[in-house]
Each structure stands twice: as C-alpha cells, then as structure tokens.
Amino acid sequence: MTTRLLEYHFDELTLGQSELSPRRTITETDVVHWSMFTGDWFPMHSDAVHAAESMFGQRIAAGLMILAISGGLVVPASTRSIIANYGNERVRYPAPTFIGDTIQVKVSIIKLEPRDATSGLMDMEWDVLNQNGTIVCNAVFRVLLAIKGAAK
C-alpha cells in the first residue's frame, strides 16, 4: 500500500512534493445531506427551478461542502503525523461543481517551516479538479506536523 502525503512526518517531506487524491462523485444525496445538516438551503443548491434560471443553468454544490469533502479525500484516517489543522490561508471557487461531477484533489507542498524540536508547519495548496481537469476549488492550508521520533 502506498503511503499518502499526510501520513509522512514533517522531517520526511520536501518542498514541491505533491500527490493526487482518490476521486469521488458528488451526488444529489451529498447536496441534500449537506443542506439538512448545515441549514444551508440556498436556492442555487436546493431549488432546481431557481438554479435553471441562473447563469449556471442547474443546481451547484455548496463550495464549503466541496472543501469539506476534499478534506476527506486528502487526509487519511490512519495518519499519525498530523498534530492539528493550523488554519486556512485562502479558499477560492473559480468554477462551479455540479451534481454528478467527479472531483479529485491535487495537493502540493508550498512551504515547510520548522517550529520546534517536535513539530513543524506545512503549507499545502489544494487544487480540487473536476473530471475535465477544471479547478473548482483552490485553497491553501497550514497543518502542524510531528517530527518523526520526537517526544510527545
């Protein structure tokens, strides 16, 4: 089994390192569950007639939902190197995500900053791509990672 980028410790990573996540298709159920759990019933997501009359011609998935699903594609549940999500530096949605689109995330390390003897900060750029290679979300995240073998 291949080791995923966020399973490595801070001192095992290099600037410019990148990977592609697994893919996932955005479904009607995803959109309905998102709206139900968050209360986000914005008409572009939940009203087919309203959305058909919009510039997109159909319903679109909520940007924050795409960002959240991307996190699930990028961060392996088995990782032991991540100490904490340190924050989002930037999030953009340059193109819509439609129901039925299949997304995949290209993750690239853009900054590595040692913090102390046990940890370091890593900035990652995420390009969320649809099945046509169009970027539907671009974000920069900062995570706090453990140094391999450092005392906890």
N, C-alpha and C. Protein backbone atom coordinates (compact mmCIF):
# COMPACT_ATOMS: atom_id res chain seq x y z
N MET A 1 0.84 -1.19 0.00
CA MET A 1 0.00 0.00 0.00
C MET A 1 0.89 1.25 0.00
N THR A 2 0.54 2.23 -0.80
CA THR A 2 1.32 3.46 -0.93
C THR A 2 1.06 4.39 0.25
N THR A 3 2.13 5.00 0.75
CA THR A 3 2.00 5.98 1.82
C THR A 3 1.49 7.28 1.24
N ARG A 4 0.48 7.86 1.86
CA ARG A 4 -0.11 9.12 1.41
C ARG A 4 0.70 10.29 1.99
N LEU A 5 0.68 11.42 1.33
CA LEU A 5 1.46 12.60 1.70
C LEU A 5 1.27 12.97 3.17
N LEU A 6 0.04 12.98 3.64
CA LEU A 6 -0.22 13.40 5.03
C LEU A 6 -0.05 12.28 6.05
N GLU A 7 0.57 11.19 5.63
CA GLU A 7 0.98 10.16 6.58
C GLU A 7 2.45 10.31 6.93
N TYR A 8 3.17 11.14 6.17
CA TYR A 8 4.58 11.39 6.45
C TYR A 8 4.72 12.41 7.58
N HIS A 9 5.82 12.33 8.29
CA HIS A 9 6.14 13.31 9.33
C HIS A 9 6.82 14.53 8.69
N PHE A 10 6.86 15.62 9.42
CA PHE A 10 7.39 16.87 8.91
C PHE A 10 8.77 16.70 8.30
N ASP A 11 9.66 16.01 9.00
CA ASP A 11 11.05 15.87 8.56
C ASP A 11 11.23 14.87 7.41
N GLU A 12 10.16 14.24 6.96
CA GLU A 12 10.22 13.32 5.83
C GLU A 12 9.71 13.95 4.53
N LEU A 13 9.27 15.20 4.61
CA LEU A 13 8.66 15.88 3.45
C LEU A 13 9.63 16.84 2.79
N THR A 14 9.37 17.13 1.51
CA THR A 14 10.19 18.09 0.76
C THR A 14 9.29 19.09 0.05
N LEU A 15 9.80 20.30 -0.07
CA LEU A 15 9.11 21.36 -0.78
C LEU A 15 8.82 20.92 -2.21
N GLY A 16 7.61 21.17 -2.69
CA GLY A 16 7.24 20.80 -4.05
C GLY A 16 6.65 19.40 -4.19
N GLN A 17 6.77 18.60 -3.16
CA GLN A 17 6.19 17.25 -3.21
C GLN A 17 4.68 17.36 -3.43
N SER A 18 4.10 16.46 -4.22
CA SER A 18 2.66 16.53 -4.49
C SER A 18 2.09 15.14 -4.68
N GLU A 19 0.77 15.07 -4.67
CA GLU A 19 0.06 13.82 -4.93
C GLU A 19 -1.35 14.14 -5.41
N LEU A 20 -1.96 13.15 -6.02
CA LEU A 20 -3.38 13.22 -6.38
C LEU A 20 -4.15 12.31 -5.44
N SER A 21 -5.25 12.82 -4.93
CA SER A 21 -6.10 12.04 -4.03
C SER A 21 -6.92 11.03 -4.83
N PRO A 22 -7.60 10.15 -4.12
CA PRO A 22 -8.63 9.34 -4.79
C PRO A 22 -9.72 10.28 -5.33
N ARG A 23 -10.59 9.75 -6.20
CA ARG A 23 -11.70 10.53 -6.76
C ARG A 23 -13.00 10.22 -6.02
N ARG A 24 -13.96 11.14 -6.19
CA ARG A 24 -15.28 10.94 -5.59
C ARG A 24 -16.30 11.71 -6.40
N THR A 25 -17.45 11.10 -6.69
CA THR A 25 -18.52 11.75 -7.43
C THR A 25 -19.46 12.44 -6.45
N ILE A 26 -19.81 13.69 -6.77
CA ILE A 26 -20.73 14.48 -5.95
C ILE A 26 -22.16 14.09 -6.34
N THR A 27 -22.95 13.70 -5.36
CA THR A 27 -24.29 13.17 -5.63
C THR A 27 -25.39 14.09 -5.12
N GLU A 28 -26.57 13.82 -5.57
CA GLU A 28 -27.78 14.50 -5.07
C GLU A 28 -27.88 14.31 -3.55
N THR A 29 -27.59 13.10 -3.10
CA THR A 29 -27.65 12.80 -1.67
C THR A 29 -26.66 13.67 -0.89
N ASP A 30 -25.47 13.87 -1.43
CA ASP A 30 -24.48 14.74 -0.77
C ASP A 30 -25.07 16.13 -0.54
N VAL A 31 -25.66 16.68 -1.59
CA VAL A 31 -26.19 18.05 -1.52
C VAL A 31 -27.35 18.14 -0.52
N VAL A 32 -28.25 17.17 -0.56
CA VAL A 32 -29.39 17.17 0.37
C VAL A 32 -28.91 17.01 1.81
N HIS A 33 -27.98 16.08 2.04
CA HIS A 33 -27.46 15.90 3.40
C HIS A 33 -26.75 17.16 3.89
N TRP A 34 -25.95 17.76 3.03
CA TRP A 34 -25.25 19.00 3.40
C TRP A 34 -26.26 20.06 3.82
N SER A 35 -27.29 20.24 3.01
CA SER A 35 -28.31 21.26 3.32
C SER A 35 -29.01 20.93 4.63
N MET A 36 -29.33 19.67 4.83
CA MET A 36 -30.03 19.25 6.04
C MET A 36 -29.17 19.46 7.28
N PHE A 37 -27.91 19.04 7.23
CA PHE A 37 -27.05 19.14 8.40
C PHE A 37 -26.61 20.56 8.72
N THR A 38 -26.44 21.38 7.69
CA THR A 38 -25.92 22.74 7.92
C THR A 38 -27.01 23.81 7.94
N GLY A 39 -28.19 23.50 7.40
CA GLY A 39 -29.24 24.51 7.27
C GLY A 39 -29.02 25.40 6.06
N ASP A 40 -28.07 25.05 5.20
CA ASP A 40 -27.75 25.82 4.00
C ASP A 40 -28.68 25.40 2.87
N TRP A 41 -29.86 26.00 2.81
CA TRP A 41 -30.83 25.72 1.77
C TRP A 41 -30.83 26.81 0.70
N PHE A 42 -29.64 27.37 0.43
CA PHE A 42 -29.51 28.41 -0.59
C PHE A 42 -30.12 27.88 -1.90
N PRO A 43 -30.91 28.69 -2.60
CA PRO A 43 -31.63 28.20 -3.78
C PRO A 43 -30.73 27.63 -4.89
N MET A 44 -29.50 28.09 -5.00
CA MET A 44 -28.61 27.53 -6.04
C MET A 44 -28.29 26.06 -5.78
N HIS A 45 -28.46 25.62 -4.53
CA HIS A 45 -28.19 24.23 -4.18
C HIS A 45 -29.47 23.40 -4.10
N SER A 46 -30.59 24.04 -3.73
CA SER A 46 -31.77 23.27 -3.35
C SER A 46 -33.03 23.52 -4.18
N ASP A 47 -33.00 24.50 -5.07
CA ASP A 47 -34.20 24.84 -5.85
C ASP A 47 -33.87 24.69 -7.34
N ALA A 48 -34.32 23.60 -7.94
CA ALA A 48 -33.99 23.30 -9.34
C ALA A 48 -34.51 24.36 -10.30
N VAL A 49 -35.68 24.92 -10.04
CA VAL A 49 -36.25 25.94 -10.92
C VAL A 49 -35.41 27.21 -10.84
N HIS A 50 -35.12 27.65 -9.64
CA HIS A 50 -34.28 28.84 -9.45
C HIS A 50 -32.92 28.65 -10.14
N ALA A 51 -32.30 27.51 -9.90
CA ALA A 51 -30.97 27.25 -10.46
C ALA A 51 -31.00 27.18 -11.99
N ALA A 52 -32.08 26.62 -12.56
CA ALA A 52 -32.20 26.52 -14.02
C ALA A 52 -32.24 27.90 -14.66
N GLU A 53 -32.75 28.88 -13.93
CA GLU A 53 -32.85 30.25 -14.43
C GLU A 53 -31.57 31.06 -14.17
N SER A 54 -30.60 30.47 -13.53
CA SER A 54 -29.36 31.17 -13.17
C SER A 54 -28.33 31.06 -14.30
N MET A 55 -27.21 31.73 -14.12
CA MET A 55 -26.12 31.67 -15.10
C MET A 55 -25.54 30.26 -15.25
N PHE A 56 -25.75 29.38 -14.25
CA PHE A 56 -25.21 28.03 -14.30
C PHE A 56 -26.16 27.05 -14.99
N GLY A 57 -27.45 27.37 -15.03
CA GLY A 57 -28.42 26.54 -15.71
C GLY A 57 -28.84 25.28 -14.96
N GLN A 58 -28.26 25.07 -13.80
CA GLN A 58 -28.59 23.90 -12.98
C GLN A 58 -28.07 24.14 -11.56
N ARG A 59 -28.49 23.26 -10.66
CA ARG A 59 -28.02 23.38 -9.27
C ARG A 59 -26.52 23.15 -9.18
N ILE A 60 -25.89 23.82 -8.23
CA ILE A 60 -24.47 23.63 -7.96
C ILE A 60 -24.30 23.18 -6.51
N ALA A 61 -23.23 22.47 -6.27
CA ALA A 61 -22.91 22.04 -4.91
C ALA A 61 -22.34 23.22 -4.13
N ALA A 62 -22.60 23.26 -2.86
CA ALA A 62 -22.07 24.33 -2.00
C ALA A 62 -20.55 24.26 -1.97
N GLY A 63 -19.91 25.41 -2.11
CA GLY A 63 -18.45 25.45 -2.10
C GLY A 63 -17.87 24.87 -0.82
N LEU A 64 -18.45 25.23 0.33
CA LEU A 64 -17.93 24.71 1.59
C LEU A 64 -18.07 23.19 1.68
N MET A 65 -19.12 22.66 1.04
CA MET A 65 -19.27 21.20 1.01
C MET A 65 -18.14 20.56 0.21
N ILE A 66 -17.80 21.18 -0.93
CA ILE A 66 -16.71 20.66 -1.75
C ILE A 66 -15.40 20.72 -0.97
N LEU A 67 -15.18 21.80 -0.25
CA LEU A 67 -13.98 21.91 0.58
C LEU A 67 -13.94 20.82 1.65
N ALA A 68 -15.07 20.58 2.30
CA ALA A 68 -15.14 19.56 3.35
C ALA A 68 -14.91 18.16 2.78
N ILE A 69 -15.54 17.85 1.66
CA ILE A 69 -15.35 16.54 1.03
C ILE A 69 -13.90 16.37 0.60
N SER A 70 -13.29 17.45 0.12
CA SER A 70 -11.87 17.40 -0.27
C SER A 70 -10.99 17.00 0.90
N GLY A 71 -11.31 17.51 2.08
CA GLY A 71 -10.56 17.13 3.28
C GLY A 71 -10.60 15.62 3.50
N GLY A 72 -11.76 15.04 3.27
CA GLY A 72 -11.89 13.59 3.40
C GLY A 72 -11.09 12.84 2.37
N LEU A 73 -10.91 13.42 1.19
CA LEU A 73 -10.12 12.78 0.15
C LEU A 73 -8.62 12.89 0.41
N VAL A 74 -8.21 13.98 1.07
CA VAL A 74 -6.79 14.27 1.25
C VAL A 74 -6.21 13.69 2.54
N VAL A 75 -6.96 13.77 3.63
CA VAL A 75 -6.42 13.38 4.94
C VAL A 75 -6.76 11.94 5.25
N PRO A 76 -5.76 11.05 5.22
CA PRO A 76 -6.02 9.64 5.55
C PRO A 76 -6.41 9.48 7.03
N ALA A 77 -7.43 8.70 7.28
CA ALA A 77 -7.89 8.49 8.66
C ALA A 77 -6.80 7.86 9.53
N SER A 78 -5.88 7.15 8.91
CA SER A 78 -4.85 6.44 9.66
C SER A 78 -3.62 7.29 10.00
N THR A 79 -3.58 8.54 9.55
CA THR A 79 -2.38 9.35 9.78
C THR A 79 -2.12 9.58 11.26
N ARG A 80 -0.85 9.52 11.62
CA ARG A 80 -0.42 9.80 12.99
C ARG A 80 0.55 10.97 13.02
N SER A 81 0.82 11.57 11.87
CA SER A 81 1.78 12.68 11.81
C SER A 81 1.14 14.04 12.03
N ILE A 82 -0.15 14.18 11.74
CA ILE A 82 -0.82 15.47 11.91
C ILE A 82 -1.13 15.70 13.39
N ILE A 83 -0.65 16.84 13.89
CA ILE A 83 -0.98 17.24 15.25
C ILE A 83 -2.27 18.05 15.25
N ALA A 84 -2.35 19.01 14.32
CA ALA A 84 -3.54 19.88 14.26
C ALA A 84 -3.64 20.58 12.92
N ASN A 85 -4.87 20.91 12.55
CA ASN A 85 -5.11 21.81 11.43
C ASN A 85 -4.82 23.21 11.97
N TYR A 86 -3.88 23.90 11.37
CA TYR A 86 -3.44 25.21 11.86
C TYR A 86 -4.26 26.34 11.26
N GLY A 87 -4.90 26.08 10.11
CA GLY A 87 -5.78 27.09 9.53
C GLY A 87 -5.77 27.12 8.02
N ASN A 88 -6.72 27.85 7.49
CA ASN A 88 -6.83 28.07 6.05
C ASN A 88 -6.28 29.45 5.74
N GLU A 89 -5.42 29.54 4.77
CA GLU A 89 -4.86 30.82 4.37
C GLU A 89 -5.70 31.47 3.27
N ARG A 90 -6.32 30.63 2.42
CA ARG A 90 -7.09 31.16 1.28
C ARG A 90 -7.97 30.04 0.73
N VAL A 91 -9.18 30.42 0.31
CA VAL A 91 -10.08 29.49 -0.37
C VAL A 91 -10.75 30.25 -1.51
N ARG A 92 -10.75 29.66 -2.69
CA ARG A 92 -11.39 30.25 -3.87
C ARG A 92 -12.17 29.16 -4.61
N TYR A 93 -13.25 29.59 -5.28
CA TYR A 93 -14.08 28.68 -6.08
C TYR A 93 -14.17 29.25 -7.50
N PRO A 94 -13.17 28.98 -8.35
CA PRO A 94 -13.14 29.58 -9.68
C PRO A 94 -14.15 29.01 -10.68
N ALA A 95 -14.72 27.85 -10.38
CA ALA A 95 -15.71 27.25 -11.27
C ALA A 95 -16.70 26.46 -10.41
N PRO A 96 -17.94 26.29 -10.89
CA PRO A 96 -18.93 25.55 -10.09
C PRO A 96 -18.69 24.04 -10.12
N THR A 97 -19.19 23.39 -9.08
CA THR A 97 -19.25 21.94 -9.05
C THR A 97 -20.71 21.54 -9.15
N PHE A 98 -21.02 20.71 -10.13
CA PHE A 98 -22.39 20.28 -10.37
C PHE A 98 -22.63 18.89 -9.79
N ILE A 99 -23.88 18.59 -9.51
CA ILE A 99 -24.25 17.24 -9.12
C ILE A 99 -23.86 16.31 -10.28
N GLY A 100 -23.15 15.25 -9.96
CA GLY A 100 -22.65 14.32 -10.98
C GLY A 100 -21.20 14.54 -11.34
N ASP A 101 -20.61 15.68 -10.94
CA ASP A 101 -19.18 15.89 -11.18
C ASP A 101 -18.36 14.96 -10.29
N THR A 102 -17.24 14.53 -10.79
CA THR A 102 -16.30 13.72 -10.01
C THR A 102 -15.09 14.57 -9.71
N ILE A 103 -14.76 14.68 -8.43
CA ILE A 103 -13.65 15.53 -8.02
C ILE A 103 -12.46 14.72 -7.53
N GLN A 104 -11.30 15.34 -7.62
CA GLN A 104 -10.03 14.78 -7.15
C GLN A 104 -9.19 15.97 -6.72
N VAL A 105 -8.34 15.79 -5.74
CA VAL A 105 -7.54 16.89 -5.22
C VAL A 105 -6.06 16.68 -5.53
N LYS A 106 -5.45 17.71 -6.13
CA LYS A 106 -4.00 17.72 -6.28
C LYS A 106 -3.47 18.52 -5.10
N VAL A 107 -2.65 17.89 -4.28
CA VAL A 107 -2.07 18.51 -3.10
C VAL A 107 -0.59 18.75 -3.37
N SER A 108 -0.13 19.99 -3.12
CA SER A 108 1.28 20.33 -3.32
C SER A 108 1.81 21.05 -2.09
N ILE A 109 3.00 20.66 -1.64
CA ILE A 109 3.64 21.33 -0.51
C ILE A 109 4.28 22.62 -1.02
N ILE A 110 3.86 23.76 -0.45
CA ILE A 110 4.39 25.04 -0.91
C ILE A 110 5.26 25.75 0.14
N LYS A 111 5.25 25.24 1.37
CA LYS A 111 6.10 25.84 2.41
C LYS A 111 6.30 24.84 3.54
N LEU A 112 7.53 24.75 4.04
CA LEU A 112 7.86 23.95 5.21
C LEU A 112 8.60 24.85 6.18
N GLU A 113 8.09 24.94 7.40
CA GLU A 113 8.66 25.85 8.41
C GLU A 113 8.85 25.11 9.73
N PRO A 114 10.10 24.81 10.10
CA PRO A 114 10.32 24.16 11.40
C PRO A 114 9.76 25.03 12.52
N ARG A 115 9.19 24.39 13.53
CA ARG A 115 8.58 25.13 14.64
C ARG A 115 9.39 24.96 15.93
N ASP A 116 9.65 23.71 16.29
CA ASP A 116 10.44 23.41 17.49
C ASP A 116 11.02 22.01 17.31
N ALA A 117 11.52 21.41 18.38
CA ALA A 117 12.17 20.10 18.28
C ALA A 117 11.19 18.97 17.99
N THR A 118 9.89 19.23 18.14
CA THR A 118 8.91 18.16 17.98
C THR A 118 7.96 18.35 16.80
N SER A 119 7.98 19.54 16.17
CA SER A 119 6.96 19.79 15.14
C SER A 119 7.40 20.84 14.12
N GLY A 120 6.64 20.90 13.04
CA GLY A 120 6.85 21.90 12.01
C GLY A 120 5.53 22.22 11.32
N LEU A 121 5.50 23.37 10.65
CA LEU A 121 4.30 23.80 9.93
C LEU A 121 4.49 23.56 8.44
N MET A 122 3.46 23.02 7.82
CA MET A 122 3.48 22.79 6.38
C MET A 122 2.31 23.52 5.75
N ASP A 123 2.58 24.29 4.69
CA ASP A 123 1.53 24.89 3.88
C ASP A 123 1.34 24.02 2.65
N MET A 124 0.08 23.69 2.38
CA MET A 124 -0.27 22.88 1.21
C MET A 124 -1.25 23.65 0.35
N GLU A 125 -1.05 23.57 -0.96
CA GLU A 125 -2.04 24.10 -1.88
C GLU A 125 -2.88 22.94 -2.37
N TRP A 126 -4.19 23.12 -2.33
CA TRP A 126 -5.12 22.12 -2.84
C TRP A 126 -5.77 22.67 -4.09
N ASP A 127 -5.67 21.94 -5.18
CA ASP A 127 -6.44 22.22 -6.38
C ASP A 127 -7.46 21.10 -6.51
N VAL A 128 -8.72 21.43 -6.30
CA VAL A 128 -9.79 20.46 -6.45
C VAL A 128 -10.20 20.50 -7.92
N LEU A 129 -10.03 19.37 -8.59
CA LEU A 129 -10.28 19.27 -10.03
C LEU A 129 -11.53 18.46 -10.30
N ASN A 130 -12.31 18.88 -11.30
CA ASN A 130 -13.42 18.03 -11.72
C ASN A 130 -12.93 17.03 -12.78
N GLN A 131 -13.84 16.25 -13.31
CA GLN A 131 -13.48 15.19 -14.25
C GLN A 131 -12.88 15.73 -15.55
N ASN A 132 -13.03 17.03 -15.81
CA ASN A 132 -12.46 17.64 -17.01
C ASN A 132 -11.13 18.33 -16.74
N GLY A 133 -10.65 18.25 -15.49
CA GLY A 133 -9.40 18.90 -15.12
C GLY A 133 -9.56 20.37 -14.76
N THR A 134 -10.80 20.85 -14.67
CA THR A 134 -11.08 22.24 -14.29
C THR A 134 -10.96 22.39 -12.78
N ILE A 135 -10.28 23.42 -12.33
CA ILE A 135 -10.18 23.70 -10.90
C ILE A 135 -11.51 24.29 -10.42
N VAL A 136 -12.16 23.59 -9.48
CA VAL A 136 -13.42 24.06 -8.92
C VAL A 136 -13.24 24.65 -7.53
N CYS A 137 -12.11 24.38 -6.91
CA CYS A 137 -11.77 24.96 -5.61
C CYS A 137 -10.26 24.99 -5.51
N ASN A 138 -9.74 26.10 -5.00
CA ASN A 138 -8.30 26.22 -4.74
C ASN A 138 -8.16 26.76 -3.32
N ALA A 139 -7.33 26.10 -2.54
CA ALA A 139 -7.17 26.51 -1.14
C ALA A 139 -5.73 26.32 -0.70
N VAL A 140 -5.33 27.10 0.28
CA VAL A 140 -4.04 26.93 0.93
C VAL A 140 -4.32 26.63 2.40
N PHE A 141 -3.82 25.49 2.86
CA PHE A 141 -3.99 25.06 4.25
C PHE A 141 -2.64 24.99 4.94
N ARG A 142 -2.66 25.20 6.23
CA ARG A 142 -1.47 25.07 7.07
C ARG A 142 -1.77 24.02 8.13
N VAL A 143 -0.87 23.03 8.24
CA VAL A 143 -1.05 21.99 9.25
C VAL A 143 0.21 21.90 10.11
N LEU A 144 -0.01 21.53 11.35
CA LEU A 144 1.08 21.29 12.29
C LEU A 144 1.36 19.80 12.28
N LEU A 145 2.62 19.45 11.95
CA LEU A 145 3.01 18.04 11.83
C LEU A 145 4.08 17.68 12.84
N ALA A 146 4.05 16.46 13.28
CA ALA A 146 5.06 15.95 14.20
C ALA A 146 6.35 15.64 13.44
N ILE A 147 7.45 15.75 14.15
CA ILE A 147 8.73 15.30 13.64
C ILE A 147 8.89 13.83 14.05
N LYS A 148 9.32 12.99 13.12
CA LYS A 148 9.39 11.55 13.38
C LYS A 148 10.30 11.26 14.57
N GLY A 149 9.79 10.46 15.47
CA GLY A 149 10.56 10.04 16.64
C GLY A 149 10.68 11.08 17.74
N ALA A 150 10.09 12.27 17.57
CA ALA A 150 10.17 13.30 18.60
C ALA A 150 9.30 12.93 19.78
N ALA A 151 9.75 13.29 20.97
CA ALA A 151 8.97 13.01 22.18
C ALA A 151 7.67 13.79 22.14
N LYS A 152 6.62 13.17 22.64
CA LYS A 152 5.30 13.81 22.63
C LYS A 152 5.02 14.53 23.91
